[in-house]
C-alpha cells in the first residue's frame, strides 16, 4: 500500500520556486527520511503533504485520498508534529491532549483513555498538570508528539522534530520513533542530521526544491 504519493509537486512564492516538480512515493509501514540543508524545501514539501498550503502545481495523495479535495479523510490519517512548538502554553499537558483529541472527533471517554496511554508511553504522566509553557524544550517536544498521536493516525509526519535538543535527547526520540514504526506507523521525517537519517528505512536527499537522490541508507 502507498501511504504518500506526490507527483509534479511544485510551490512558488512569487518568483521563488521553493519546491520544483517533486515526485515522491512513501510505502506504508516504512520510516522515510527527507534529508537536506536548511532551505532545501523540506518544510514546504511537508506542508503541502499535510494540506497546510496549496501546491502551485501537482498533487498529493495520502492513502489514496487527494489532500486538497478530500481534506477530512486525509486529516484522520495524518499526525503532524511541526518544527516549532505550537500548542497552548496556558493549558496543562493533559488539557492540551484533551482539547486536541476532541477536535479530532474523539468522545470524552476515548480521548481520556488515549491521553493516559500517551502520557504513559512518552513519560508525561508526572507533567500532566503542568502548564505547557512551563515545560523544558525536550518535554514540549514530547507533548507535541503526543498531540500528533492523539487520534491514532496511520501516518506520522515529523518536521525536524529533534532540532535544538541535546544529542542524548535526540537518541531518546529516535528510540520512540522506531518503536512507533514497529507498531505499524508510517513515518515521514525531515532532518539535516546525517546520523539521524541513517535510522530511516528509505531516504530522499533534497536540494534547491528537488529530490536529487533516493535510496536506502
Protein backbone atom coordinates (compact mmCIF):
# COMPACT_ATOMS: atom_id res chain seq x y z
CA UNK A 1 0.00 0.00 0.00
CA UNK A 2 1.16 3.53 -0.77
CA UNK A 3 0.97 5.98 2.13
CA UNK A 4 2.09 9.10 0.24
CA UNK A 5 2.08 9.72 -3.49
CA UNK A 6 3.24 13.13 -4.76
CA UNK A 7 3.52 13.90 -8.46
CA UNK A 8 4.81 17.07 -10.10
CA UNK A 9 4.60 18.85 -6.75
CA UNK A 10 5.58 22.48 -7.14
CA UNK A 11 5.31 25.50 -4.88
CA UNK A 12 6.20 29.04 -5.91
CA UNK A 13 6.25 32.13 -3.73
CA UNK A 14 6.28 34.97 -6.22
CA UNK A 15 9.31 34.42 -8.43
CA UNK A 16 10.91 31.99 -5.98
CA UNK A 17 10.38 28.26 -6.52
CA UNK A 18 10.57 26.52 -3.13
CA UNK A 19 9.66 23.05 -4.43
CA UNK A 20 10.26 22.19 -8.06
CA UNK A 21 8.36 19.35 -9.79
CA UNK A 22 8.88 16.89 -6.93
CA UNK A 23 7.87 13.24 -7.24
CA UNK A 24 7.74 11.15 -4.08
CA UNK A 25 6.36 7.75 -3.11
CA UNK A 26 6.32 6.54 0.50
CA UNK A 27 5.18 2.99 1.12
CA UNK A 28 3.02 2.24 4.15
CA UNK A 29 4.87 0.96 7.20
CA UNK A 30 8.29 2.50 6.49
CA UNK A 31 10.29 5.22 8.19
CA UNK A 32 11.11 7.61 5.34
CA UNK A 33 13.56 10.47 5.74
CA UNK A 34 13.76 13.73 3.80
CA UNK A 35 17.37 14.81 4.23
CA UNK A 36 18.75 18.18 3.23
CA UNK A 37 20.14 21.51 4.43
CA UNK A 38 18.01 24.39 5.63
CA UNK A 39 16.29 25.98 2.64
CA UNK A 40 16.18 22.77 0.61
CA UNK A 41 12.37 22.79 0.53
CA UNK A 42 11.71 20.07 3.10
CA UNK A 43 9.27 22.02 5.26
CA UNK A 44 7.37 23.39 2.26
CA UNK A 45 7.02 19.83 0.96
CA UNK A 46 5.73 18.66 4.34
CA UNK A 47 3.20 21.49 4.46
CA UNK A 48 1.84 20.54 1.05
CA UNK A 49 1.59 16.89 2.06
CA UNK A 50 -0.39 17.83 5.16
CA UNK A 51 -2.59 20.22 3.19
CA UNK A 52 -1.49 23.31 5.13
CA UNK A 53 -0.53 25.05 1.89
CA UNK A 54 -1.82 24.53 -1.63
CA UNK A 55 0.61 23.43 -4.36
CA UNK A 56 1.17 25.73 -7.30
CA UNK A 57 1.13 22.60 -9.46
CA UNK A 58 0.95 18.84 -8.99
CA UNK A 59 -0.92 16.77 -6.42
CA UNK A 60 -0.51 14.72 -3.25
CA UNK A 61 -2.49 11.66 -2.20
CA UNK A 62 -2.39 10.18 1.30
CA UNK A 63 -3.59 6.58 1.43
CA UNK A 64 -5.30 7.19 -1.89
CA UNK A 65 -7.10 10.38 -0.84
CA UNK A 66 -6.36 13.68 -2.57
CA UNK A 67 -5.02 16.08 0.06
CA UNK A 68 -6.87 19.13 -1.23
CA UNK A 69 -10.11 17.50 -2.45
CA UNK A 70 -10.65 15.01 0.40
CA UNK A 71 -9.38 17.04 3.34
CA UNK A 72 -11.45 15.42 6.10
CA UNK A 73 -10.39 11.89 5.17
CA UNK A 74 -6.75 12.93 4.97
CA UNK A 75 -6.76 14.66 8.36
CA UNK A 76 -7.91 11.46 10.07
CA UNK A 77 -4.88 9.62 8.69
CA UNK A 78 -2.18 12.20 9.48
CA UNK A 79 -0.48 13.17 12.72
CA UNK A 80 1.73 16.25 12.24
CA UNK A 81 4.50 17.49 14.53
CA UNK A 82 5.79 20.88 13.32
CA UNK A 83 9.26 22.33 13.85
CA UNK A 84 8.14 24.92 16.36
CA UNK A 85 6.06 24.29 19.46
CA UNK A 86 2.52 25.35 18.56
CA UNK A 87 0.36 24.17 21.45
CA UNK A 88 -1.46 26.19 24.11
CA UNK A 89 1.10 27.26 26.70
CA UNK A 90 -1.60 28.38 29.15
CA UNK A 91 -3.15 24.88 29.21
CA UNK A 92 -1.73 21.90 31.05
CA UNK A 93 -0.28 18.85 29.34
CA UNK A 94 -3.49 16.91 29.92
CA UNK A 95 -5.72 19.80 28.84
CA UNK A 96 -3.83 20.12 25.54
CA UNK A 97 -4.28 16.41 24.87
CA UNK A 98 -7.96 16.50 25.78
CA UNK A 99 -8.60 19.58 23.62
CA UNK A 100 -6.94 18.22 20.50
CA UNK A 101 -8.49 14.81 20.98
CA UNK A 102 -11.95 16.34 20.98
CA UNK A 103 -11.07 18.46 17.93
CA UNK A 104 -10.20 15.23 16.11
CA UNK A 105 -13.65 13.86 16.97
CA UNK A 106 -12.87 11.52 19.87
CA UNK A 107 -15.53 11.30 22.55
CA UNK A 108 -14.66 12.12 26.16
CA UNK A 109 -14.01 8.53 27.16
CA UNK A 110 -11.87 7.82 24.10
CA UNK A 111 -9.74 10.92 24.49
CA UNK A 112 -9.21 10.30 28.21
CA UNK A 113 -8.05 6.75 27.55
CA UNK A 114 -5.83 7.81 24.67
CA UNK A 115 -4.36 10.68 26.72
CA UNK A 116 -3.49 8.33 29.56
CA UNK A 117 -1.87 5.85 27.16
CA UNK A 118 0.25 8.54 25.52
CA UNK A 119 1.31 10.16 28.79
CA UNK A 120 2.46 6.73 29.94
CA UNK A 121 4.22 5.93 26.65
CA UNK A 122 6.01 9.30 26.43
CA UNK A 123 6.80 9.73 30.15
CA UNK A 124 4.48 12.71 30.54
CA UNK A 125 2.41 11.49 33.50
CA UNK A 126 4.40 13.49 36.05
CA UNK A 127 3.76 16.62 33.97
CA UNK A 128 0.05 16.09 33.36
CA UNK A 129 -0.98 19.10 35.50
CA UNK A 130 1.88 21.37 34.47
CA UNK A 131 1.28 24.27 32.09
CA UNK A 132 2.79 23.60 28.67
CA UNK A 133 4.59 26.93 28.82
CA UNK A 134 6.50 25.77 31.90
CA UNK A 135 7.92 22.64 30.27
CA UNK A 136 11.53 22.17 29.16
CA UNK A 137 12.28 22.08 25.45
CA UNK A 138 12.53 18.29 25.28
CA UNK A 139 9.32 17.81 27.24
CA UNK A 140 7.50 20.26 24.97
CA UNK A 141 8.61 18.14 22.03
CA UNK A 142 7.22 15.01 23.71
CA UNK A 143 3.91 16.80 24.26
CA UNK A 144 3.84 17.86 20.58
CA UNK A 145 4.40 14.23 19.61
CA UNK A 146 1.63 13.09 21.95
CA UNK A 147 -0.81 15.56 20.37
CA UNK A 148 0.20 14.33 16.89
CA UNK A 149 -0.64 10.79 18.02
CA UNK A 150 -3.84 11.53 19.96
CA UNK A 151 -6.19 10.33 17.18
CA UNK A 152 -4.06 7.24 16.40
CA UNK A 153 -3.19 8.22 12.80
CA UNK A 154 -1.74 5.83 10.23
CA UNK A 155 0.87 8.37 9.11
CA UNK A 156 3.12 10.42 11.37
CA UNK A 157 4.79 13.46 9.78
CA UNK A 158 7.66 14.96 11.77
CA UNK A 159 9.31 18.21 10.67
CA UNK A 160 12.80 18.48 12.21
CA UNK A 161 11.45 17.02 15.49
CA UNK A 162 14.83 16.96 17.26
CA UNK A 163 16.10 20.38 16.18
CA UNK A 164 17.60 22.25 19.12
CA UNK A 165 17.67 19.36 21.58
CA UNK A 166 20.78 17.75 23.05
CA UNK A 167 22.22 14.57 21.45
CA UNK A 168 21.13 12.26 24.32
CA UNK A 169 17.53 13.52 23.97
CA UNK A 170 17.75 13.14 20.19
CA UNK A 171 18.66 9.48 20.69
CA UNK A 172 15.71 9.02 23.06
CA UNK A 173 13.35 10.48 20.47
CA UNK A 174 14.66 8.12 17.81
CA UNK A 175 14.05 5.17 20.09
CA UNK A 176 10.45 6.38 20.35
CA UNK A 177 10.14 6.87 16.57
CA UNK A 178 11.45 3.38 15.85
CA UNK A 179 9.09 1.93 18.45
CA UNK A 180 6.16 3.69 16.77
CA UNK A 181 7.32 2.38 13.40
CA UNK A 182 7.45 -1.17 14.76
CA UNK A 183 3.88 -0.68 15.99
CA UNK A 184 2.80 -0.04 12.40
CA UNK A 185 3.05 3.73 11.99
CA UNK A 186 4.32 5.08 8.69
CA UNK A 187 6.77 7.88 9.45
CA UNK A 188 7.89 10.73 7.21
CA UNK A 189 10.59 12.78 8.91
CA UNK A 190 12.68 15.75 7.81
CA UNK A 191 16.19 16.22 9.14
CA UNK A 192 19.55 17.76 8.30
CA UNK A 193 21.41 15.35 10.62
CA UNK A 194 23.13 12.56 8.70
CA UNK A 195 23.28 10.30 11.77
CA UNK A 196 19.51 10.60 12.17
CA UNK A 197 18.91 9.84 8.52
CA UNK A 198 20.67 6.51 8.97
CA UNK A 199 17.81 5.41 11.25
CA UNK A 200 15.35 5.54 8.34
CA UNK A 201 14.39 2.65 6.05
CA UNK A 202 14.37 4.90 2.99
CA UNK A 203 15.88 8.31 2.26
CA UNK A 204 15.43 11.11 -0.24
CA UNK A 205 18.04 13.86 -0.47
CA UNK A 206 16.65 17.32 -1.23
CA UNK A 207 18.46 20.34 -2.60
CA UNK A 208 17.04 23.56 -4.07
CA UNK A 209 13.49 22.21 -4.00
CA UNK A 210 14.26 18.96 -5.80
CA UNK A 211 14.95 15.37 -4.85
CA UNK A 212 18.45 14.69 -6.18
CA UNK A 213 18.96 11.17 -4.80
CA UNK A 214 16.83 8.44 -3.25
CA UNK A 215 17.50 5.02 -1.75
CA UNK A 216 18.35 3.14 1.45
CA UNK A 217 20.90 4.48 3.96
